[in-house]
Structures are given as C-alpha cells and as structure tokens.
Protein backbone atom coordinates (compact mmCIF):
# COMPACT_ATOMS: atom_id res chain seq x y z
CA MET A 1 134.37 130.03 37.12
CA THR A 2 132.16 131.62 39.72
CA ALA A 3 134.20 133.83 42.04
CA PHE A 4 133.59 134.50 45.72
CA PHE A 5 135.00 137.18 47.91
CA VAL A 6 136.22 136.93 51.46
CA HIS A 7 136.16 140.36 53.15
CA ASN A 8 139.41 141.46 54.87
CA PRO A 9 138.55 141.93 58.57
CA SER A 10 139.14 145.52 59.63
CA GLY A 11 141.26 146.16 62.71
CA PRO A 12 144.32 148.03 63.81
CA GLU A 13 147.54 147.08 61.98
CA THR A 14 150.43 146.17 64.25
CA LYS A 15 154.09 146.75 63.16
CA HIS A 16 156.91 144.78 64.75
CA SER A 17 160.55 145.30 65.00
CA VAL A 18 162.53 143.16 62.52
CA VAL A 19 163.75 139.81 63.78
CA GLY A 20 167.32 139.27 62.64
CA HIS A 21 168.66 136.08 61.22
CA GLY A 22 171.91 136.03 63.19
CA VAL A 23 170.51 134.91 66.54
CA PHE A 24 168.10 132.36 67.90
CA LEU A 25 165.50 133.92 70.17
CA PRO A 26 164.17 132.35 73.28
CA ASP A 27 160.60 131.02 73.24
CA CYS A 28 160.70 130.76 69.49
CA LEU A 29 160.94 127.72 67.15
CA SER A 30 163.22 126.92 64.29
CA GLY A 31 163.25 123.84 62.15
CA VAL A 32 161.80 122.00 59.20
CA LEU A 33 158.36 120.47 58.34
CA ASP A 34 158.11 117.81 55.71
CA LEU A 35 154.86 118.31 53.73
CA ALA A 36 153.00 116.26 51.25
CA PHE A 37 150.71 117.76 48.56
CA ASP A 38 148.09 115.56 46.88
CA THR A 39 146.30 117.00 43.89
CA VAL A 40 142.50 117.05 43.80
CA SER A 41 142.27 118.66 40.41
CA PRO A 42 145.06 119.04 37.89
CA VAL A 43 147.59 121.72 38.90
CA HIS A 44 149.21 124.10 36.35
CA PRO A 45 152.29 125.74 37.86
CA GLY A 46 153.11 127.93 34.94
CA ALA A 47 156.75 128.09 33.72
CA GLY A 48 156.37 131.07 31.50
CA ALA A 49 157.28 128.90 28.41
CA PHE A 50 155.22 127.98 25.44
CA ALA A 51 155.26 125.23 22.92
CA LEU A 52 153.16 124.21 19.92
CA LYS A 53 150.77 121.34 20.13
CA GLY A 54 149.42 120.85 16.67
CA ARG A 55 147.95 124.15 15.64
CA ASP A 56 147.49 125.26 19.26
CA VAL A 57 149.87 126.99 21.59
CA LEU A 58 150.51 125.09 24.89
CA ARG A 59 151.53 126.85 28.03
CA ALA A 60 154.14 124.67 29.72
CA ALA A 61 154.27 123.82 33.40
CA ALA A 62 157.31 124.08 35.71
CA ARG A 63 159.98 121.48 35.62
CA ARG A 64 163.41 120.97 37.20
CA ALA A 65 165.84 118.76 35.24
CA GLY A 66 162.86 117.62 33.28
CA VAL A 67 160.89 116.52 36.44
CA PRO A 68 157.54 118.14 37.25
CA ILE A 69 157.61 120.36 40.29
CA LEU A 70 155.35 122.69 42.35
CA PRO A 71 157.51 125.81 42.73
CA GLY A 72 158.13 126.83 46.28
CA THR A 73 157.27 130.39 45.40
CA SER A 74 153.79 129.31 44.35
CA ILE A 75 153.25 127.41 47.57
CA LYS A 76 154.52 130.37 49.59
CA GLY A 77 152.29 132.87 47.71
CA ALA A 78 149.14 130.65 48.27
CA VAL A 79 149.87 130.34 51.96
CA ARG A 80 150.68 134.04 52.38
CA THR A 81 147.40 135.11 50.86
CA VAL A 82 145.45 133.22 53.56
CA PHE A 83 147.84 134.42 56.34
CA GLU A 84 147.32 138.05 55.22
CA LEU A 85 143.56 137.55 55.41
CA ILE A 86 143.69 136.30 59.05
CA THR A 87 146.20 138.75 60.50
CA ALA A 88 146.44 142.53 60.74
CA SER A 89 148.68 142.82 57.65
CA CYS A 90 149.73 145.95 55.78
CA VAL A 91 147.33 145.19 52.93
CA LEU A 92 144.74 146.85 55.19
CA SER A 93 146.70 150.11 54.78
CA ASP A 94 146.96 152.57 51.92
CA ARG A 95 149.89 151.75 49.66
CA LYS A 96 151.80 154.76 51.01
CA ALA A 97 151.55 153.35 54.54
CA ARG A 98 152.75 149.88 53.70
CA CYS A 99 155.57 148.21 55.59
CA ASP A 100 158.99 149.88 55.35
CA LEU A 101 161.93 147.92 56.78
CA LYS A 102 163.80 150.93 58.14
CA LYS A 103 161.01 153.36 58.98
CA THR A 104 157.90 151.56 60.32
CA GLY A 105 158.90 148.02 60.99
CA LEU A 106 157.00 145.05 59.43
CA CYS A 107 153.46 143.66 59.89
CA ALA A 108 152.85 140.04 60.85
CA ALA A 109 152.79 138.82 57.17
CA CYS A 110 155.81 140.77 55.99
CA GLY A 111 157.77 139.90 59.09
CA LEU A 112 157.20 136.17 58.54
CA PHE A 113 157.09 135.85 54.79
CA GLY A 114 159.50 138.65 53.83
CA ALA A 115 159.44 142.09 52.43
CA LEU A 116 161.60 144.32 50.26
CA GLY A 117 165.08 144.03 51.76
CA TYR A 118 164.07 141.32 54.29
CA ALA A 119 164.20 137.67 53.51
CA GLY A 120 161.61 136.60 56.08
CA ARG A 121 161.68 133.73 58.56
CA LEU A 122 159.55 131.10 56.57
CA GLY A 123 160.29 129.54 53.26
CA PHE A 124 159.12 126.65 51.10
CA SER A 125 161.10 124.42 48.97
CA ASP A 126 159.93 123.17 45.53
CA GLY A 127 157.42 120.31 45.75
CA VAL A 128 158.92 117.25 43.97
CA PRO A 129 157.15 114.07 43.05
CA CYS A 130 156.85 111.42 45.72
CA ASP A 131 156.99 108.93 42.88
CA PRO A 132 157.98 110.54 39.55
CA PRO A 133 156.33 107.85 37.36
CA GLY A 134 153.16 108.33 39.46
CA VAL A 135 152.74 111.96 38.46
CA SER A 136 150.63 112.19 35.27
CA VAL A 137 150.90 115.10 32.79
CA SER A 138 147.74 116.22 30.93
CA THR A 139 146.66 119.01 28.60
CA GLU A 140 143.83 121.08 29.95
CA ARG A 141 141.63 123.71 28.23
CA VAL A 142 141.19 126.87 30.29
CA GLY A 143 139.52 130.17 29.48
CA VAL A 144 141.83 132.97 28.24
CA PRO A 145 142.84 134.88 31.35
CA TYR A 146 141.93 138.41 31.90
CA PRO A 147 144.63 141.09 31.16
CA PRO A 148 147.06 141.85 34.06
CA GLY A 149 145.80 144.51 36.42
CA GLY A 150 145.23 143.40 39.96
CA ALA A 151 142.28 141.11 39.61
CA ARG A 152 143.27 139.04 42.70
CA ARG A 153 143.24 141.73 45.30
CA GLY A 154 143.88 145.11 43.68
CA SER A 155 141.45 147.91 43.26
CA ALA A 156 140.27 149.92 40.19
CA GLU A 157 142.34 152.69 38.78
CA GLY A 158 141.91 155.86 40.77
CA GLN A 159 140.47 154.10 43.82
CA SER A 160 142.10 153.49 47.12
CA SER A 161 144.82 150.68 47.15
CA ILE A 162 143.50 149.39 50.49
CA VAL A 163 142.50 145.70 50.07
CA THR A 164 139.03 145.22 51.38
CA ALA A 165 138.40 141.62 50.06
CA TYR A 166 140.26 138.74 48.60
CA LYS A 167 138.98 137.09 45.43
CA PHE A 168 138.87 133.25 45.24
CA TYR A 169 137.43 131.09 42.47
CA GLY A 170 134.59 128.67 43.27
CA ARG A 171 132.83 126.38 40.86
CA PRO A 172 133.78 126.29 37.10
CA ASP A 173 131.50 127.88 34.60
CA ALA A 174 130.26 126.14 31.51
CA ASP A 175 132.84 125.56 28.70
CA ARG A 176 134.08 128.72 26.98
CA GLU A 177 135.02 129.22 23.41
CA ASP A 178 138.04 131.47 24.11
CA VAL A 179 140.39 128.94 25.61
CA ILE A 180 144.08 128.13 25.71
CA LEU A 181 145.87 124.91 26.40
CA VAL A 182 147.88 124.41 29.54
CA GLU A 183 150.06 121.52 30.85
CA ALA A 184 148.97 120.32 34.20
CA TYR A 185 149.99 117.66 36.72
CA ARG A 186 148.23 115.09 38.93
CA GLY A 187 149.84 113.11 41.65
CA SER A 188 151.63 113.47 45.04
CA PHE A 189 154.45 115.83 45.73
CA ARG A 190 156.61 116.38 48.76
CA GLY A 191 158.30 119.56 49.95
CA LYS A 192 159.69 121.28 53.05
CA ALA A 193 158.77 124.38 55.04
CA ARG A 194 161.77 125.90 56.74
CA PHE A 195 161.29 128.37 59.59
CA ARG A 196 163.46 130.34 62.00
CA ASN A 197 162.62 132.38 65.11
CA VAL A 198 158.93 131.69 64.67
CA THR A 199 156.49 131.76 67.59
CA SER A 200 154.08 128.87 68.11
CA ALA A 201 151.09 131.16 67.38
CA GLU A 202 152.69 132.18 64.00
CA LEU A 203 153.36 128.57 63.13
CA GLY A 204 149.83 127.60 64.10
CA LEU A 205 148.44 130.32 61.77
CA VAL A 206 150.68 129.01 58.96
CA LEU A 207 149.16 125.54 59.51
CA PHE A 208 145.67 126.98 59.29
CA ALA A 209 146.80 128.86 56.06
CA LEU A 210 147.83 125.48 54.59
CA GLY A 211 144.24 124.22 55.16
CA LEU A 212 145.21 121.86 58.09
CA GLY A 213 142.65 123.04 60.63
CA ASP A 214 140.15 120.52 61.95
CA GLY A 215 136.53 120.24 60.83
CA GLU A 216 135.03 123.39 59.48
CA PHE A 217 138.44 125.07 59.46
CA ALA A 218 139.92 122.48 57.00
CA PHE A 219 140.06 123.43 53.28
CA PRO A 220 142.13 122.63 50.18
CA LEU A 221 145.05 124.78 49.10
CA VAL A 222 144.67 126.43 45.61
CA LEU A 223 147.61 127.47 43.57
CA GLY A 224 149.01 127.79 40.12
CA GLY A 225 147.29 129.02 36.84
CA GLY A 226 143.95 127.96 35.48
CA ARG A 227 142.12 128.48 38.80
CA PRO A 228 139.13 130.00 37.09
CA ALA A 229 138.73 126.67 35.16
CA GLY A 230 138.83 124.70 38.44
CA LEU A 231 142.57 123.73 38.25
CA GLY A 232 145.05 123.98 41.08
CA THR A 233 143.21 122.30 44.01
CA LEU A 234 145.33 120.18 46.31
CA ARG A 235 145.43 118.91 49.93
CA CYS A 236 148.39 119.33 52.24
CA ARG A 237 149.66 116.99 54.98
CA VAL A 238 152.47 117.20 57.56
CA MET A 239 154.49 114.08 57.25
CA GLN A 240 157.14 114.72 59.85
CA GLY A 241 159.32 117.49 61.25
CA MET A 242 162.58 118.32 62.98
CA LEU A 243 162.95 121.20 65.50
CA LEU A 244 166.04 122.95 66.72
CA GLU A 245 165.83 123.90 70.29
CA HIS A 246 167.15 127.34 71.15
CA ALA A 247 169.71 127.60 73.99
CA LYS A 248 171.08 130.95 75.11
CA GLY A 249 171.02 132.58 71.68
CA HIS A 250 172.37 129.65 69.59
CA ILE A 251 171.15 126.22 68.41
CA GLY A 252 170.73 123.55 70.92
CA ARG A 253 169.89 119.93 70.23
CA ARG A 254 167.72 118.65 67.33
CA ARG A 255 164.58 116.72 68.12
CA PRO A 256 161.76 115.25 66.06
CA LEU A 257 158.25 116.72 66.01
CA ARG A 258 156.27 115.40 68.98
CA PRO A 259 152.90 113.78 68.60
CA ALA A 260 150.07 116.36 68.65
CA GLU A 261 152.55 119.23 68.76
CA GLU A 262 150.90 120.64 65.66
CA LEU A 263 147.58 120.82 67.53
CA ASP A 264 149.22 122.89 70.28
CA TRP A 265 150.51 125.33 67.67
CA MET A 266 147.12 125.65 66.15
CA ARG A 267 145.52 126.22 69.53
CA SER A 268 147.98 128.96 70.09
CA GLY A 269 147.29 130.51 66.60
CA SER A 270 143.53 130.19 67.07
CA SER A 271 143.74 132.15 70.44
CA SER A 272 145.31 135.07 68.48
CA LEU A 273 142.26 135.37 66.08
CA ASP A 274 139.48 137.63 66.95
CA ASP A 275 135.88 136.82 65.88
CA ALA A 276 136.07 138.77 62.62
CA LYS A 277 139.28 136.96 61.43
CA ARG A 278 137.87 133.62 62.54
CA ASP A 279 134.77 134.31 60.53
CA ALA A 280 136.80 135.25 57.50
CA LEU A 281 138.75 131.95 57.79
CA LEU A 282 135.43 130.06 58.04
CA ASP A 283 134.05 131.80 54.95
CA LEU A 284 137.17 131.00 52.99
CA ALA A 285 137.19 127.30 54.14
CA ARG A 286 133.53 126.91 53.25
CA GLY A 287 133.99 128.40 49.72
CA LEU A 288 137.10 126.27 48.95
CA ARG A 289 135.42 123.05 50.20
CA GLU A 290 132.61 123.78 47.81
CA ARG A 291 135.04 124.24 45.03
CA GLU A 292 136.76 120.96 45.84
CA ALA A 293 133.33 119.16 45.70
CA SER A 294 132.60 120.67 42.28
CA PRO A 295 132.81 118.24 39.24
C-alpha cells in the first residue's frame, strides 16, 4: 500500500482548564448523535484472537455475543487522529511537555477525547449491524504487518517525539507473498456518539473528522487492521440526534436535532481553522478519496 503523509500544521498549542462532568455549562451542547457506517471496502476490527483455517492462521474480527461489531474505541481513535491534525493538540509538543491533567491543563484533543485520569466529553458506542444477516464475513489476505514501533505517527529512536506528520495509507500495492489471513466485514452498522459540555465549534470539528464535510472536505473514514492492504474504508452518516438543553447548570428539556443544525456546527468549526489546518484537512480528504476510488 502506497502511504501518504499529511504534515501537522505548526502553531501555538493552547491548554484549557478541565471541564468537569458534574455540571452543564451554558452555551455548550450535550446529547447523542445516531450514526450509520457503510463499508466501502472490507473492515477488519481485530479482536486479538486467532483461529486455524486449514493450514493457515486466521486473525479474528471483533464480535459481541457472536455478532460482528465495530468497536467504539476503534471509531474514536480514527476520529481523534483527524481531530488532532486540525487542532493545536499536544502531539505538536515534545513528549515531556504533553498534557498533564493537574499541572498544565489539556489541549483541545485531550480535553474532548480524554487523557490519563480524564474520561473526556465525547465517546462512541460500538457499531452494531443495522441488519445482522446483511453483514457478510469474508477472509482477506493482507501483508504481514510491520513490527510495533510507532509507524503511524511516532519518530525514529533517538529523535524528537514531536509529531510532524501523520501517515495514512493510499492505494494498495501489488500482491505480496508474505501474507496473513484476516476476518473482515462488509455491510451497514449503526452506533452512537455521546457528548457533554461540547461547544458548537468542537462538535463541528468532530463532524469534519468523521468525513462529513461538504464537497472537497468530504472523505471516507479509515479504521481497523489491514489498512495497508486497502481494508477499513467506510462512510459515515448522521441519522438523527437528541440534544439536552442546558438550563442554569442542569439539564433542561430534550429536543431532536433540528434540520441543518449540523451545518451550523460545521460553519462554527470551520471558522476556528486557520489556513494551514484547512489545507491539512484538504490534503487528507484528497488522499482518502483517492484511496476510496482505488480498485
């Protein structure tokens, strides 16, 4: 698989005070978004389990009670990677200067997705099949992965731990001889994004990170194992949502997501991006759309 790199835009990192979970802040949003995920290529959410398939070893995919799932942690990790790219997150800092809950506060990504000792204000449920019989299970051949060691966004031993670029996989290479077998899913899944005390700009950036921007900002989400072999491409949609209005520090009434409200959030999120971050998002979207179009 041909890889491409999206450079992490330089800029001052901004630390924020920690937002607690015990109150509901004014001018913030809390609620749930119902999401749908439609696979474009087979997705392999690895379960860490192995089985024998004839004389070969098969790497199993995640299941819950025997039903195929997309783990919420996999979805959250894929979304966080893009969110870090387009915000002034602590990955732009040396490891010794990373976020510390008690000493320095949290950057935009850690404050929303969580950090050591802090649960964060955004989470994703497991994606479950919209129609279990409609999810097909296949066996795919992928190249033997490289040994662990920070291939995604780490740096070579002895070098600075500042992340200067994110690595994504583009078009698959020709068939390789050193392959393993993995279990993969095709079909439609549904899940939920739950958020609390999130600003409209933050929520807009999350929607961008899910690939839900318009036109040239739209792209497929990529998650799971086997990405170098072209696996793991899917599209996300917002089906519906429910918001909890904040009233004097506590929950007010519940209301459904209004028409075009997502667009207002994305406009707010877009206004928080400078030119360098907007260019990084465009570079990412262009590369992932090319990947999606690959055979």
